[in-house]
């Protein structure tokens, strides 16, 4: 019965899957293109991030290296920037763009940017919801308890979708701050700013895709719940 219901709503989740694949391909292609174009100032990603942080009075903030490709992130708990090896040492337009974006999150934190603090507050419950989803679904599917489990799954995806929604303004604002700082501090010249915008725009598309996918999953389970009623 559940399998039939899930297959009945395949059309709900397919667009999200397609958008997610497209977003990842777009990011990989755009990042790959501009990671081969060295910036005219010869700056590494770490250099760019350091200049942005220093200009904002964050001279003591650590900038470290984290393993993985495009694993760059700002750690709001330890208040440090972690850049992937390619972007920490790389001198490409892509490297300084990604590094500046992460520095943008640090600027948000310093400025007490409300959406960032809301997202930080939501991280624990969102992580718990993400981990709880699959065990609950399997219990409902194999235990014949889907009627009981579905409301909990809907709550889970409501939490995840809310987190994805609040993530969008946080990421777009960090990119806006990054591009502004790169320009004001003279770290991009000519068309380099356009390249940075394309890289950050492609990265932002992955967050949009995640939000859409989460919303469609939520819609699927709501439709399943109505079918069960």
Protein backbone atom coordinates (compact mmCIF):
# COMPACT_ATOMS: atom_id res chain seq x y z
CA UNK A 1 0.00 0.00 0.00
CA UNK A 2 2.74 2.45 0.98
CA UNK A 3 4.84 1.52 -2.05
CA UNK A 4 1.84 2.20 -4.28
CA UNK A 5 1.29 5.59 -2.63
CA UNK A 6 4.95 6.55 -3.02
CA UNK A 7 4.98 5.57 -6.70
CA UNK A 8 1.76 7.54 -7.19
CA UNK A 9 3.59 10.74 -6.24
CA UNK A 10 6.83 10.20 -8.16
CA UNK A 11 6.06 13.34 -10.17
CA UNK A 12 6.44 15.42 -6.99
CA UNK A 13 10.05 14.47 -6.24
CA UNK A 14 11.44 14.13 -9.77
CA UNK A 15 11.68 17.91 -10.43
CA UNK A 16 13.71 18.34 -7.23
CA UNK A 17 16.07 15.55 -8.22
CA UNK A 18 16.57 17.06 -11.68
CA UNK A 19 17.16 20.53 -10.24
CA UNK A 20 19.63 19.14 -7.70
CA UNK A 21 21.62 17.34 -10.39
CA UNK A 22 21.61 20.43 -12.59
CA UNK A 23 22.76 22.67 -9.72
CA UNK A 24 25.65 20.36 -8.87
CA UNK A 25 26.69 20.11 -12.52
CA UNK A 26 26.49 23.90 -12.90
CA UNK A 27 28.60 24.45 -9.79
CA UNK A 28 31.18 21.88 -10.87
CA UNK A 29 31.41 23.38 -14.35
CA UNK A 30 31.57 27.02 -13.23
CA UNK A 31 33.97 26.41 -10.38
CA UNK A 32 36.14 24.25 -12.63
CA UNK A 33 36.26 26.98 -15.28
CA UNK A 34 37.24 29.81 -12.94
CA UNK A 35 39.58 27.68 -10.84
CA UNK A 36 41.81 27.66 -13.91
CA UNK A 37 41.84 31.48 -14.20
CA UNK A 38 44.40 33.12 -11.93
CA UNK A 39 43.42 36.46 -10.41
CA UNK A 40 45.50 39.41 -11.57
CA UNK A 41 46.57 40.32 -8.01
CA UNK A 42 48.14 36.90 -7.45
CA UNK A 43 46.22 36.47 -4.19
CA UNK A 44 45.46 33.10 -2.65
CA UNK A 45 42.05 32.40 -1.18
CA UNK A 46 43.61 32.64 2.26
CA UNK A 47 45.06 36.05 1.37
CA UNK A 48 41.68 37.34 0.24
CA UNK A 49 39.91 36.07 3.35
CA UNK A 50 42.63 37.53 5.60
CA UNK A 51 42.30 40.96 4.02
CA UNK A 52 38.53 40.97 4.40
CA UNK A 53 38.69 39.83 8.02
CA UNK A 54 41.43 42.31 8.92
CA UNK A 55 39.54 45.18 7.32
CA UNK A 56 36.56 44.30 9.52
CA UNK A 57 38.68 44.25 12.68
CA UNK A 58 38.77 40.44 12.87
CA UNK A 59 42.56 40.15 12.82
CA UNK A 60 42.65 37.36 15.35
CA UNK A 61 40.27 35.06 13.49
CA UNK A 62 41.90 31.81 12.40
CA UNK A 63 41.87 30.68 8.78
CA UNK A 64 42.55 26.96 8.49
CA UNK A 65 42.59 24.18 5.91
CA UNK A 66 39.90 21.50 5.80
CA UNK A 67 40.01 18.33 3.68
CA UNK A 68 37.73 17.82 0.70
CA UNK A 69 36.67 19.68 -2.42
CA UNK A 70 34.43 22.72 -1.85
CA UNK A 71 34.28 21.83 1.84
CA UNK A 72 34.85 25.49 2.74
CA UNK A 73 32.81 26.80 5.67
CA UNK A 74 32.68 29.28 8.50
CA UNK A 75 32.53 27.74 11.98
CA UNK A 76 30.38 30.10 14.08
CA UNK A 77 31.07 28.19 17.29
CA UNK A 78 34.87 28.32 17.09
CA UNK A 79 34.72 31.54 15.05
CA UNK A 80 37.16 30.45 12.39
CA UNK A 81 37.23 30.08 8.59
CA UNK A 82 37.99 26.67 7.15
CA UNK A 83 38.98 26.58 3.48
CA UNK A 84 39.53 23.57 1.28
CA UNK A 85 43.12 23.10 0.20
CA UNK A 86 42.37 24.20 -3.37
CA UNK A 87 40.87 27.48 -2.20
CA UNK A 88 43.27 28.13 0.68
CA UNK A 89 46.37 27.92 -1.51
CA UNK A 90 44.80 28.54 -4.91
CA UNK A 91 45.26 31.87 -6.69
CA UNK A 92 42.27 31.54 -8.98
CA UNK A 93 39.19 33.74 -9.29
CA UNK A 94 37.17 30.84 -7.92
CA UNK A 95 39.44 30.51 -4.89
CA UNK A 96 39.22 34.15 -3.83
CA UNK A 97 35.47 34.17 -4.49
CA UNK A 98 34.74 31.16 -2.30
CA UNK A 99 37.12 32.36 0.43
CA UNK A 100 35.52 35.82 0.39
CA UNK A 101 32.08 34.22 0.68
CA UNK A 102 33.10 32.38 3.84
CA UNK A 103 34.60 35.57 5.20
CA UNK A 104 31.20 37.12 4.47
CA UNK A 105 29.68 34.76 7.04
CA UNK A 106 32.18 35.99 9.61
CA UNK A 107 31.12 39.56 8.84
CA UNK A 108 27.49 38.51 9.31
CA UNK A 109 28.35 37.04 12.70
CA UNK A 110 30.14 40.20 13.80
CA UNK A 111 27.19 42.32 12.64
CA UNK A 112 24.71 40.04 14.48
CA UNK A 113 22.91 39.32 11.22
CA UNK A 114 19.58 37.92 12.42
CA UNK A 115 19.05 35.17 9.78
CA UNK A 116 22.52 33.76 10.55
CA UNK A 117 21.74 33.55 14.27
CA UNK A 118 18.37 31.95 13.51
CA UNK A 119 20.06 29.34 11.32
CA UNK A 120 22.65 28.67 14.02
CA UNK A 121 19.85 28.14 16.55
CA UNK A 122 18.13 25.70 14.20
CA UNK A 123 21.19 23.54 13.51
CA UNK A 124 20.80 21.10 16.47
CA UNK A 125 17.11 20.35 15.87
CA UNK A 126 17.64 20.17 12.09
CA UNK A 127 20.52 17.70 12.48
CA UNK A 128 18.38 15.57 14.80
CA UNK A 129 15.46 15.67 12.36
CA UNK A 130 17.72 14.69 9.44
CA UNK A 131 19.12 11.72 11.36
CA UNK A 132 15.70 10.61 12.60
CA UNK A 133 13.99 10.59 9.19
CA UNK A 134 15.30 7.35 7.70
CA UNK A 135 14.89 5.16 10.82
CA UNK A 136 11.32 6.43 11.24
CA UNK A 137 10.52 5.85 7.59
CA UNK A 138 11.88 2.30 7.68
CA UNK A 139 9.93 1.55 10.86
CA UNK A 140 6.77 2.82 9.22
CA UNK A 141 7.40 1.04 5.93
CA UNK A 142 8.38 -2.40 7.23
CA UNK A 143 6.38 -2.29 10.45
CA UNK A 144 3.11 -1.35 8.85
CA UNK A 145 2.99 1.79 10.99
CA UNK A 146 3.02 4.40 8.25
CA UNK A 147 -0.25 5.93 9.43
CA UNK A 148 1.41 6.57 12.80
CA UNK A 149 4.80 7.62 11.40
CA UNK A 150 3.64 9.97 8.63
CA UNK A 151 2.78 12.91 10.94
CA UNK A 152 6.26 12.67 12.47
CA UNK A 153 7.88 12.59 9.03
CA UNK A 154 5.87 15.66 8.02
CA UNK A 155 7.15 17.46 11.12
CA UNK A 156 10.71 16.42 10.21
CA UNK A 157 10.47 17.79 6.68
CA UNK A 158 8.78 20.95 7.93
CA UNK A 159 11.83 21.55 10.13
CA UNK A 160 14.27 20.75 7.31
CA UNK A 161 12.38 22.96 4.85
CA UNK A 162 12.30 25.85 7.33
CA UNK A 163 16.07 25.48 7.78
CA UNK A 164 16.63 25.50 4.01
CA UNK A 165 14.44 28.59 3.64
CA UNK A 166 16.38 30.56 6.26
CA UNK A 167 19.65 29.39 4.68
CA UNK A 168 18.89 31.19 1.42
CA UNK A 169 19.10 34.80 2.70
CA UNK A 170 22.17 33.86 4.75
CA UNK A 171 24.02 32.54 1.71
CA UNK A 172 22.92 35.28 -0.67
CA UNK A 173 23.87 37.97 1.83
CA UNK A 174 27.30 36.41 2.42
CA UNK A 175 27.93 36.47 -1.34
CA UNK A 176 26.81 40.10 -1.52
CA UNK A 177 29.20 41.03 1.27
CA UNK A 178 31.99 39.04 -0.40
CA UNK A 179 31.65 40.77 -3.76
CA UNK A 180 31.44 44.18 -2.09
CA UNK A 181 34.60 43.59 -0.05
CA UNK A 182 36.57 42.18 -2.98
CA UNK A 183 35.71 45.31 -4.96
CA UNK A 184 36.26 47.84 -2.17
CA UNK A 185 39.59 46.33 -1.16
CA UNK A 186 40.80 46.25 -4.76
CA UNK A 187 41.21 42.48 -4.99
CA UNK A 188 39.44 42.09 -8.33
CA UNK A 189 40.08 43.94 -11.57
CA UNK A 190 38.31 44.16 -14.91
CA UNK A 191 35.99 41.23 -15.54
CA UNK A 192 37.25 39.26 -12.55
CA UNK A 193 34.28 40.46 -10.49
CA UNK A 194 31.96 38.91 -13.06
CA UNK A 195 33.77 35.60 -12.69
CA UNK A 196 33.41 35.75 -8.91
CA UNK A 197 29.68 36.46 -9.31
CA UNK A 198 29.24 33.46 -11.58
CA UNK A 199 31.00 31.13 -9.14
CA UNK A 200 29.01 32.38 -6.17
CA UNK A 201 25.79 32.32 -8.19
CA UNK A 202 26.35 28.69 -9.13
CA UNK A 203 27.04 27.84 -5.49
CA UNK A 204 23.84 29.62 -4.43
CA UNK A 205 21.86 27.51 -6.91
CA UNK A 206 22.73 24.40 -4.89
CA UNK A 207 21.02 25.94 -1.85
CA UNK A 208 17.97 26.81 -3.93
CA UNK A 209 17.86 23.24 -5.21
CA UNK A 210 18.10 21.87 -1.67
CA UNK A 211 15.22 24.07 -0.56
CA UNK A 212 13.03 23.06 -3.51
CA UNK A 213 13.82 19.38 -2.98
CA UNK A 214 12.93 19.63 0.70
CA UNK A 215 9.65 21.38 -0.09
CA UNK A 216 8.71 18.76 -2.67
CA UNK A 217 9.50 15.94 -0.24
CA UNK A 218 7.29 17.65 2.32
CA UNK A 219 4.51 17.95 -0.25
CA UNK A 220 4.85 14.26 -1.12
CA UNK A 221 4.39 13.16 2.49
CA UNK A 222 1.46 15.55 2.99
CA UNK A 223 -0.23 14.00 -0.04
CA UNK A 224 0.50 10.53 1.34
CA UNK A 225 -1.07 11.49 4.65
CA UNK A 226 -4.21 12.71 2.91
CA UNK A 227 -4.36 9.49 0.90
CA UNK A 228 -4.17 7.48 4.12
CA UNK A 229 -7.03 9.45 5.75
